[in-house]
C-alpha atoms as a PDB file:
ATOM      1  CA  MET A   1       0.000   0.000   0.000  1.00  0.00           C
ATOM      2  CA  LYS A   2       1.148   3.523  -0.771  1.00  0.00           C
ATOM      3  CA  PRO A   3       2.447   5.519   2.223  1.00  0.00           C
ATOM      4  CA  VAL A   4       0.844   8.926   2.816  1.00  0.00           C
ATOM      5  CA  ALA A   5       0.777  11.746   5.335  1.00  0.00           C
ATOM      6  CA  LEU A   6      -2.737  12.075   6.740  1.00  0.00           C
ATOM      7  CA  ILE A   7      -3.460  15.660   7.837  1.00  0.00           C
ATOM      8  CA  THR A   8      -6.646  16.649   9.662  1.00  0.00           C
ATOM      9  CA  GLY A   9      -8.021  20.160   9.892  1.00  0.00           C
ATOM     10  CA  ALA A  10      -6.352  20.894   6.563  1.00  0.00           C
ATOM     11  CA  SER A  11      -8.962  23.343   5.262  1.00  0.00           C
ATOM     12  CA  ALA A  12      -7.595  26.423   7.070  1.00  0.00           C
ATOM     13  CA  GLY A  13      -4.882  27.949   9.228  1.00  0.00           C
ATOM     14  CA  ILE A  14      -2.045  25.830  10.540  1.00  0.00           C
ATOM     15  CA  GLY A  15      -3.502  22.702   8.906  1.00  0.00           C
ATOM     16  CA  THR A  16      -3.350  24.234   5.441  1.00  0.00           C
ATOM     17  CA  GLU A  17       0.217  25.374   6.019  1.00  0.00           C
ATOM     18  CA  LEU A  18       1.231  21.953   7.321  1.00  0.00           C
ATOM     19  CA  ALA A  19      -0.160  20.415   4.141  1.00  0.00           C
ATOM     20  CA  ARG A  20       1.934  22.794   2.044  1.00  0.00           C
ATOM     21  CA  VAL A  21       5.101  22.040   4.019  1.00  0.00           C
ATOM     22  CA  PHE A  22       4.633  18.264   3.922  1.00  0.00           C
ATOM     23  CA  ALA A  23       3.933  18.429   0.168  1.00  0.00           C
ATOM     24  CA  GLU A  24       7.007  20.598  -0.360  1.00  0.00           C
ATOM     25  CA  HIS A  25       9.105  17.865   1.267  1.00  0.00           C
ATOM     26  CA  GLY A  26       7.799  15.141  -1.008  1.00  0.00           C
ATOM     27  CA  HIS A  27       5.005  13.551   1.008  1.00  0.00           C
ATOM     28  CA  ASP A  28       1.908  12.241  -0.714  1.00  0.00           C
ATOM     29  CA  LEU A  29      -1.032  13.655   1.237  1.00  0.00           C
ATOM     30  CA  VAL A  30      -4.502  12.778   2.412  1.00  0.00           C
ATOM     31  CA  LEU A  31      -6.346  15.923   3.484  1.00  0.00           C
ATOM     32  CA  VAL A  32      -9.209  15.658   5.968  1.00  0.00           C
ATOM     33  CA  ALA A  33     -11.699  18.320   7.080  1.00  0.00           C
ATOM     34  CA  ARG A  34     -15.408  19.073   6.858  1.00  0.00           C
ATOM     35  CA  ARG A  35     -15.182  21.682   4.079  1.00  0.00           C
ATOM     36  CA  GLN A  36     -14.588  19.711   0.909  1.00  0.00           C
ATOM     37  CA  ALA A  37     -14.470  22.741  -1.408  1.00  0.00           C
ATOM     38  CA  ARG A  38     -11.546  24.205   0.527  1.00  0.00           C
ATOM     39  CA  LEU A  39      -9.728  20.877   0.528  1.00  0.00           C
ATOM     40  CA  GLU A  40     -10.198  20.540  -3.232  1.00  0.00           C
ATOM     41  CA  ALA A  41      -8.831  24.052  -3.763  1.00  0.00           C
ATOM     42  CA  LEU A  42      -5.793  23.248  -1.627  1.00  0.00           C
ATOM     43  CA  ALA A  43      -5.264  19.962  -3.471  1.00  0.00           C
ATOM     44  CA  ASP A  44      -5.401  21.829  -6.799  1.00  0.00           C
ATOM     45  CA  GLU A  45      -2.887  24.384  -5.531  1.00  0.00           C
ATOM     46  CA  ILE A  46      -0.445  21.690  -4.415  1.00  0.00           C
ATOM     47  CA  ALA A  47      -0.802  19.873  -7.738  1.00  0.00           C
ATOM     48  CA  ALA A  48      -0.223  23.130  -9.620  1.00  0.00           C
ATOM     49  CA  HIS A  49       3.205  23.321  -7.964  1.00  0.00           C
ATOM     50  CA  GLY A  50       4.198  20.008  -9.493  1.00  0.00           C
ATOM     51  CA  ARG A  51       3.415  17.822  -6.482  1.00  0.00           C
ATOM     52  CA  PRO A  52       1.156  14.775  -6.533  1.00  0.00           C
ATOM     53  CA  ARG A  53      -2.442  15.861  -6.053  1.00  0.00           C
ATOM     54  CA  PRO A  54      -3.541  15.039  -2.496  1.00  0.00           C
ATOM     55  CA  THR A  55      -6.452  12.739  -1.795  1.00  0.00           C
ATOM     56  CA  VAL A  56      -9.362  14.648  -0.284  1.00  0.00           C
ATOM     57  CA  LEU A  57     -11.619  13.130   2.378  1.00  0.00           C
ATOM     58  CA  ALA A  58     -14.449  15.309   3.671  1.00  0.00           C
ATOM     59  CA  ALA A  59     -15.307  14.144   7.193  1.00  0.00           C
ATOM     60  CA  ASP A  60     -16.606  15.467  10.492  1.00  0.00           C
ATOM     61  CA  LEU A  61     -14.122  14.018  12.960  1.00  0.00           C
ATOM     62  CA  ALA A  62     -16.453  14.730  15.867  1.00  0.00           C
ATOM     63  CA  SER A  63     -18.712  11.979  14.516  1.00  0.00           C
ATOM     64  CA  PRO A  64     -18.212   8.612  16.293  1.00  0.00           C
ATOM     65  CA  ASP A  65     -17.918   6.780  12.958  1.00  0.00           C
ATOM     66  CA  ALA A  66     -15.505   9.188  11.288  1.00  0.00           C
ATOM     67  CA  ILE A  67     -12.257   7.326  11.948  1.00  0.00           C
ATOM     68  CA  ALA A  68     -13.656   3.993  10.795  1.00  0.00           C
ATOM     69  CA  GLU A  69     -14.869   5.663   7.606  1.00  0.00           C
ATOM     70  CA  ILE A  70     -11.447   7.220   7.011  1.00  0.00           C
ATOM     71  CA  LYS A  71      -9.737   3.855   7.485  1.00  0.00           C
ATOM     72  CA  ALA A  72     -12.133   2.238   5.002  1.00  0.00           C
ATOM     73  CA  ALA A  73     -11.597   5.032   2.466  1.00  0.00           C
ATOM     74  CA  LEU A  74      -7.812   4.663   2.696  1.00  0.00           C
ATOM     75  CA  THR A  75      -7.961   0.892   2.337  1.00  0.00           C
ATOM     76  CA  ALA A  76     -10.197   1.222  -0.726  1.00  0.00           C
ATOM     77  CA  ARG A  77      -7.543   3.457  -2.307  1.00  0.00           C
ATOM     78  CA  ASP A  78      -4.593   1.224  -1.306  1.00  0.00           C
ATOM     79  CA  LEU A  79      -3.221   3.951   0.954  1.00  0.00           C
ATOM     80  CA  GLU A  80      -1.811   3.721   4.458  1.00  0.00           C
ATOM     81  CA  PRO A  81      -0.417   6.460   6.718  1.00  0.00           C
ATOM     82  CA  ALA A  82       3.302   6.786   7.260  1.00  0.00           C
ATOM     83  CA  VAL A  83       2.558  10.022   9.121  1.00  0.00           C
ATOM     84  CA  VAL A  84      -0.547  11.144  11.007  1.00  0.00           C
ATOM     85  CA  VAL A  85      -0.961  14.868  11.688  1.00  0.00           C
ATOM     86  CA  ASN A  86      -3.722  15.618  14.182  1.00  0.00           C
ATOM     87  CA  ASN A  87      -4.386  19.313  13.701  1.00  0.00           C
ATOM     88  CA  ALA A  88      -8.197  19.474  13.752  1.00  0.00           C
ATOM     89  CA  GLY A  89      -9.641  21.225  16.777  1.00  0.00           C
ATOM     90  CA  PHE A  90     -11.418  24.325  18.034  1.00  0.00           C
ATOM     91  CA  GLY A  91     -11.878  26.396  21.170  1.00  0.00           C
ATOM     92  CA  LEU A  92     -14.675  28.352  22.821  1.00  0.00           C
ATOM     93  CA  PHE A  93     -14.276  31.587  24.756  1.00  0.00           C
ATOM     94  CA  GLY A  94     -16.468  32.093  27.793  1.00  0.00           C
ATOM     95  CA  THR A  95     -17.337  30.734  31.223  1.00  0.00           C
ATOM     96  CA  ALA A  96     -17.763  26.952  31.049  1.00  0.00           C
ATOM     97  CA  THR A  97     -21.038  27.004  32.993  1.00  0.00           C
ATOM     98  CA  LEU A  98     -22.535  29.548  30.580  1.00  0.00           C
ATOM     99  CA  LEU A  99     -21.288  28.186  27.272  1.00  0.00           C
ATOM    100  CA  ASP A 100     -23.421  25.643  25.437  1.00  0.00           C
ATOM    101  CA  HIS A 101     -22.685  22.327  27.141  1.00  0.00           C
ATOM    102  CA  GLY A 102     -23.333  20.283  24.012  1.00  0.00           C
ATOM    103  CA  GLU A 103     -20.891  22.327  21.973  1.00  0.00           C
ATOM    104  CA  GLN A 104     -18.238  21.897  24.653  1.00  0.00           C
ATOM    105  CA  LEU A 105     -18.719  18.133  24.498  1.00  0.00           C
ATOM    106  CA  VAL A 106     -18.299  18.286  20.721  1.00  0.00           C
ATOM    107  CA  MET A 107     -15.033  20.126  21.381  1.00  0.00           C
ATOM    108  CA  ILE A 108     -13.884  17.248  23.570  1.00  0.00           C
ATOM    109  CA  ASP A 109     -14.922  14.759  20.887  1.00  0.00           C
ATOM    110  CA  LEU A 110     -12.797  16.550  18.302  1.00  0.00           C
ATOM    111  CA  ASN A 111      -9.838  17.782  20.357  1.00  0.00           C
ATOM    112  CA  VAL A 112      -9.463  14.649  22.499  1.00  0.00           C
ATOM    113  CA  ARG A 113     -11.373  11.567  21.335  1.00  0.00           C
ATOM    114  CA  ALA A 114     -10.748  11.883  17.589  1.00  0.00           C
ATOM    115  CA  LEU A 115      -7.081  12.767  18.116  1.00  0.00           C
ATOM    116  CA  THR A 116      -6.641   9.764  20.398  1.00  0.00           C
ATOM    117  CA  GLU A 117      -8.380   7.403  17.999  1.00  0.00           C
ATOM    118  CA  LEU A 118      -6.354   8.586  15.005  1.00  0.00           C
ATOM    119  CA  SER A 119      -3.114   8.396  16.987  1.00  0.00           C
ATOM    120  CA  LEU A 120      -3.783   4.735  17.750  1.00  0.00           C
ATOM    121  CA  ALA A 121      -5.519   3.636  14.546  1.00  0.00           C
ATOM    122  CA  PHE A 122      -2.495   3.277  12.260  1.00  0.00           C
ATOM    123  CA  VAL A 123       0.347   2.192  14.515  1.00  0.00           C
ATOM    124  CA  ASP A 124       1.174  -0.874  12.393  1.00  0.00           C
ATOM    125  CA  SER A 125       1.569   1.141   9.193  1.00  0.00           C
ATOM    126  CA  LEU A 126       3.496   3.873  11.021  1.00  0.00           C
ATOM    127  CA  GLN A 127       5.895   1.214  12.236  1.00  0.00           C
ATOM    128  CA  ARG A 128       6.265  -0.294   8.747  1.00  0.00           C
ATOM    129  CA  HIS A 129       7.301   3.070   7.352  1.00  0.00           C
ATOM    130  CA  ARG A 130       9.223   4.209  10.441  1.00  0.00           C
ATOM    131  CA  GLY A 131       7.019   7.282  10.429  1.00  0.00           C
ATOM    132  CA  GLY A 132       5.270   9.097  13.201  1.00  0.00           C
ATOM    133  CA  ILE A 133       2.561  11.299  14.642  1.00  0.00           C
ATOM    134  CA  LEU A 134       2.480  15.084  14.852  1.00  0.00           C
ATOM    135  CA  ASN A 135      -0.163  16.252  17.312  1.00  0.00           C
ATOM    136  CA  VAL A 136      -1.004  19.951  17.510  1.00  0.00           C
ATOM    137  CA  ALA A 137      -1.573  21.161  21.063  1.00  0.00           C
ATOM    138  CA  SER A 138      -0.952  24.733  22.271  1.00  0.00           C
ATOM    139  CA  VAL A 139       0.943  26.723  24.871  1.00  0.00           C
ATOM    140  CA  ALA A 140      -2.468  26.541  26.585  1.00  0.00           C
ATOM    141  CA  ALA A 141      -1.523  22.939  27.428  1.00  0.00           C
ATOM    142  CA  PHE A 142       0.808  24.130  30.180  1.00  0.00           C
ATOM    143  CA  VAL A 143      -1.708  25.954  32.390  1.00  0.00           C
ATOM    144  CA  PRO A 144      -5.431  25.908  33.279  1.00  0.00           C
ATOM    145  CA  GLY A 145      -7.406  28.554  31.391  1.00  0.00           C
ATOM    146  CA  PRO A 146     -10.296  30.414  32.996  1.00  0.00           C
ATOM    147  CA  SER A 147     -12.801  31.533  30.316  1.00  0.00           C
ATOM    148  CA  MET A 148     -11.553  28.743  28.048  1.00  0.00           C
ATOM    149  CA  ALA A 149     -11.522  25.966  30.627  1.00  0.00           C
ATOM    150  CA  VAL A 150     -12.482  23.026  28.419  1.00  0.00           C
ATOM    151  CA  TYR A 151     -10.224  24.069  25.539  1.00  0.00           C
ATOM    152  CA  TYR A 152      -7.170  24.486  27.777  1.00  0.00           C
ATOM    153  CA  ALA A 153      -7.917  21.144  29.449  1.00  0.00           C
ATOM    154  CA  SER A 154      -8.231  19.426  26.067  1.00  0.00           C
ATOM    155  CA  LYS A 155      -4.809  20.692  25.011  1.00  0.00           C
ATOM    156  CA  ALA A 156      -3.294  19.593  28.327  1.00  0.00           C
ATOM    157  CA  TYR A 157      -4.587  16.128  27.482  1.00  0.00           C
ATOM    158  CA  VAL A 158      -3.019  16.271  24.011  1.00  0.00           C
ATOM    159  CA  LEU A 159       0.368  17.167  25.478  1.00  0.00           C
ATOM    160  CA  SER A 160       0.283  14.544  28.234  1.00  0.00           C
ATOM    161  CA  PHE A 161      -1.024  11.788  25.971  1.00  0.00           C
ATOM    162  CA  SER A 162       1.436  12.553  23.172  1.00  0.00           C
ATOM    163  CA  GLU A 163       4.477  12.687  25.436  1.00  0.00           C
ATOM    164  CA  ALA A 164       3.566   9.324  26.949  1.00  0.00           C
ATOM    165  CA  LEU A 165       2.838   7.839  23.521  1.00  0.00           C
ATOM    166  CA  ASN A 166       6.215   9.053  22.295  1.00  0.00           C
ATOM    167  CA  ARG A 167       7.827   6.954  25.005  1.00  0.00           C
ATOM    168  CA  GLU A 168       5.627   3.914  24.391  1.00  0.00           C
ATOM    169  CA  LEU A 169       6.213   3.845  20.626  1.00  0.00           C
ATOM    170  CA  LYS A 170       9.900   4.747  20.581  1.00  0.00           C
ATOM    171  CA  ASP A 171      11.052   1.111  20.488  1.00  0.00           C
ATOM    172  CA  ARG A 172       8.813   0.518  17.458  1.00  0.00           C
ATOM    173  CA  GLY A 173      10.605   3.248  15.501  1.00  0.00           C
ATOM    174  CA  ILE A 174       7.656   5.664  15.668  1.00  0.00           C
ATOM    175  CA  ARG A 175       8.236   9.276  16.650  1.00  0.00           C
ATOM    176  CA  VAL A 176       5.499  11.321  18.316  1.00  0.00           C
ATOM    177  CA  THR A 177       5.899  15.097  18.338  1.00  0.00           C
ATOM    178  CA  THR A 178       3.645  17.634  20.038  1.00  0.00           C
ATOM    179  CA  LEU A 179       3.533  21.079  18.420  1.00  0.00           C
ATOM    180  CA  CYS A 180       2.585  23.884  20.805  1.00  0.00           C
ATOM    181  CA  PRO A 181       1.856  27.203  19.077  1.00  0.00           C
ATOM    182  CA  GLY A 182       0.954  30.394  20.885  1.00  0.00           C
ATOM    183  CA  PRO A 183      -1.320  33.054  19.364  1.00  0.00           C
ATOM    184  CA  VAL A 184      -1.759  32.605  15.599  1.00  0.00           C
ATOM    185  CA  ALA A 185      -3.877  34.764  13.282  1.00  0.00           C
ATOM    186  CA  THR A 186      -6.263  32.128  11.901  1.00  0.00           C
ATOM    187  CA  GLU A 187      -9.986  31.391  11.819  1.00  0.00           C
ATOM    188  CA  PHE A 188      -9.582  29.809  15.254  1.00  0.00           C
ATOM    189  CA  ASN A 189     -10.169  33.143  17.003  1.00  0.00           C
ATOM    190  CA  GLU A 190     -13.441  33.835  15.206  1.00  0.00           C
ATOM    191  CA  ARG A 191     -14.682  30.275  15.781  1.00  0.00           C
ATOM    192  CA  ALA A 192     -13.800  30.525  19.469  1.00  0.00           C
ATOM    193  CA  GLY A 193     -15.557  33.869  19.860  1.00  0.00           C
ATOM    194  CA  LEU A 194     -12.385  35.579  21.036  1.00  0.00           C
ATOM    195  CA  PRO A 195     -12.656  39.386  21.155  1.00  0.00           C
ATOM    196  CA  GLY A 196     -10.728  41.287  18.513  1.00  0.00           C
ATOM    197  CA  GLY A 197      -8.004  43.819  19.053  1.00  0.00           C
ATOM    198  CA  ARG A 198      -4.346  43.540  19.900  1.00  0.00           C
ATOM    199  CA  GLY A 199      -3.590  42.601  23.477  1.00  0.00           C
ATOM    200  CA  PRO A 200      -0.161  42.162  25.062  1.00  0.00           C
ATOM    201  CA  GLU A 201      -0.104  38.496  24.027  1.00  0.00           C
ATOM    202  CA  GLN A 202       0.015  39.516  20.355  1.00  0.00           C
ATOM    203  CA  ILE A 203       3.759  40.089  20.684  1.00  0.00           C
ATOM    204  CA  LEU A 204       3.948  36.291  20.971  1.00  0.00           C
ATOM    205  CA  SER A 205       2.060  35.735  17.711  1.00  0.00           C
ATOM    206  CA  VAL A 206       3.783  33.637  15.039  1.00  0.00           C
ATOM    207  CA  PRO A 207       2.395  33.366  11.468  1.00  0.00           C
ATOM    208  CA  ALA A 208       0.709  30.068  10.612  1.00  0.00           C
ATOM    209  CA  ASP A 209       3.191  29.251   7.849  1.00  0.00           C
ATOM    210  CA  ARG A 210       6.094  29.717  10.245  1.00  0.00           C
ATOM    211  CA  VAL A 211       4.393  27.577  12.905  1.00  0.00           C
ATOM    212  CA  ALA A 212       3.904  24.799  10.352  1.00  0.00           C
ATOM    213  CA  ARG A 213       7.527  24.893   9.269  1.00  0.00           C
ATOM    214  CA  ILE A 214       8.762  24.862  12.878  1.00  0.00           C
ATOM    215  CA  GLY A 215       6.471  21.919  13.609  1.00  0.00           C
ATOM    216  CA  TYR A 216       7.617  19.965  10.559  1.00  0.00           C
ATOM    217  CA  GLU A 217      11.290  20.538  11.299  1.00  0.00           C
ATOM    218  CA  GLY A 218      10.845  19.462  14.908  1.00  0.00           C
ATOM    219  CA  PHE A 219       8.972  16.356  13.802  1.00  0.00           C
ATOM    220  CA  VAL A 220      11.711  15.392  11.345  1.00  0.00           C
ATOM    221  CA  ARG A 221      14.298  15.797  14.112  1.00  0.00           C
ATOM    222  CA  GLY A 222      12.221  13.591  16.391  1.00  0.00           C
ATOM    223  CA  GLN A 223      11.628  16.229  19.042  1.00  0.00           C
ATOM    224  CA  ARG A 224       9.138  15.266  21.732  1.00  0.00           C
ATOM    225  CA  VAL A 225       7.708  18.778  22.213  1.00  0.00           C
ATOM    226  CA  VAL A 226       8.070  21.768  19.874  1.00  0.00           C
ATOM    227  CA  VAL A 227       7.076  25.239  21.080  1.00  0.00           C
ATOM    228  CA  ALA A 228       6.732  27.667  18.167  1.00  0.00           C
ATOM    229  CA  GLY A 229       8.424  31.033  18.687  1.00  0.00           C
ATOM    230  CA  ALA A 230      11.147  32.306  21.019  1.00  0.00           C
ATOM    231  CA  GLY A 231       8.707  34.343  23.109  1.00  0.00           C
ATOM    232  CA  ASN A 232       6.427  31.362  23.590  1.00  0.00           C
ATOM    233  CA  LYS A 233       9.388  29.235  24.673  1.00  0.00           C
ATOM    234  CA  VAL A 234      10.116  31.764  27.410  1.00  0.00           C
ATOM    235  CA  VAL A 235       6.473  31.738  28.514  1.00  0.00           C
ATOM    236  CA  VAL A 236       6.349  27.932  28.628  1.00  0.00           C
ATOM    237  CA  PHE A 237       9.606  27.800  30.581  1.00  0.00           C
ATOM    238  CA  MET A 238       8.159  30.179  33.160  1.00  0.00           C
ATOM    239  CA  LEU A 239       4.840  28.326  33.350  1.00  0.00           C
ATOM    240  CA  ARG A 240       6.631  25.099  34.199  1.00  0.00           C
ATOM    241  CA  PHE A 241       7.917  26.661  37.414  1.00  0.00           C
ATOM    242  CA  LEU A 242       5.289  29.209  38.473  1.00  0.00           C
ATOM    243  CA  PRO A 243       2.554  27.788  40.746  1.00  0.00           C
ATOM    244  CA  HIS A 244      -0.956  27.737  39.340  1.00  0.00           C
ATOM    245  CA  ALA A 245      -2.121  29.667  42.390  1.00  0.00           C
ATOM    246  CA  LEU A 246      -0.084  32.609  41.091  1.00  0.00           C
ATOM    247  CA  VAL A 247      -0.801  32.228  37.372  1.00  0.00           C
ATOM    248  CA  LEU A 248      -4.566  31.603  37.506  1.00  0.00           C
ATOM    249  CA  PRO A 249      -5.603  35.018  38.876  1.00  0.00           C
ATOM    250  CA  ILE A 250      -3.452  36.753  36.248  1.00  0.00           C
ATOM    251  CA  LEU A 251      -5.017  34.745  33.428  1.00  0.00           C
ATOM    252  CA  ASP A 252      -8.486  35.251  34.854  1.00  0.00           C
ATOM    253  CA  ARG A 253      -8.087  39.033  34.971  1.00  0.00           C
ATOM    254  CA  ARG A 254      -6.713  39.100  31.430  1.00  0.00           C
ATOM    255  CA  MET A 255      -9.613  37.038  30.085  1.00  0.00           C
ATOM    256  CA  ARG A 256     -12.164  39.216  31.888  1.00  0.00           C
ATOM    257  CA  ARG A 257     -10.637  42.335  30.348  1.00  0.00           C
ATOM    258  CA  MET A 258     -10.820  40.694  26.915  1.00  0.00           C
ATOM    259  CA  ALA A 259     -14.481  39.876  27.471  1.00  0.00           C
ATOM    260  CA  SER A 260     -15.261  43.474  28.378  1.00  0.00           C
ATOM    261  CA  THR A 261     -13.666  44.979  25.263  1.00  0.00           C
END
């Protein structure tokens, strides 16, 4: 079967840029997201640059049957992943008790359950090709996040799970890298309902194309965790040592100010 890089959330933002970087480095791609028209446009763009045209699979990964359907679609095409990139995910801004509970559970389905299932679904083929898994978390993974409690918790899961999986799969020749971006100007902010404007955290912003390249390079090197951007590395270093009792009130005040703007 033909080895491919399977990339979820490829219709926008970091996912689109990851697809471009993987294609640039010679990977045959399978692009997964809900918005088929965007995936087709991206596949056409990649093909126009002389790369093999990616396979497009429109799927809602929050659906319980999505991963089984993806596996069946790959098998029918004689494709198997050498690399799995779990980029699909979203956040919601607001107090957890006031946000729609159903939508928050969908967030968990996508950010946690689907990522876990895809990380475990293709281990045999990843081992055959000595490939790996690139899971996209966030600097949010390193601290609890008032006003985005479920999102921050979901990314903490991604980081913890991926680091442990990296250790478990190392002897099978499979690398697992966790990419942790900070603020990035993508559709994520609009989907999450984050207020506009430029706050102090915008000095930590790294463009999506740069984040994707940093993530790819770290994955190729076999890094366990990749934090995108020098400023974000400093923040993560500090968060590892500062007690949550000190950090939480600061984050809470910042989020409340954002909500009032």
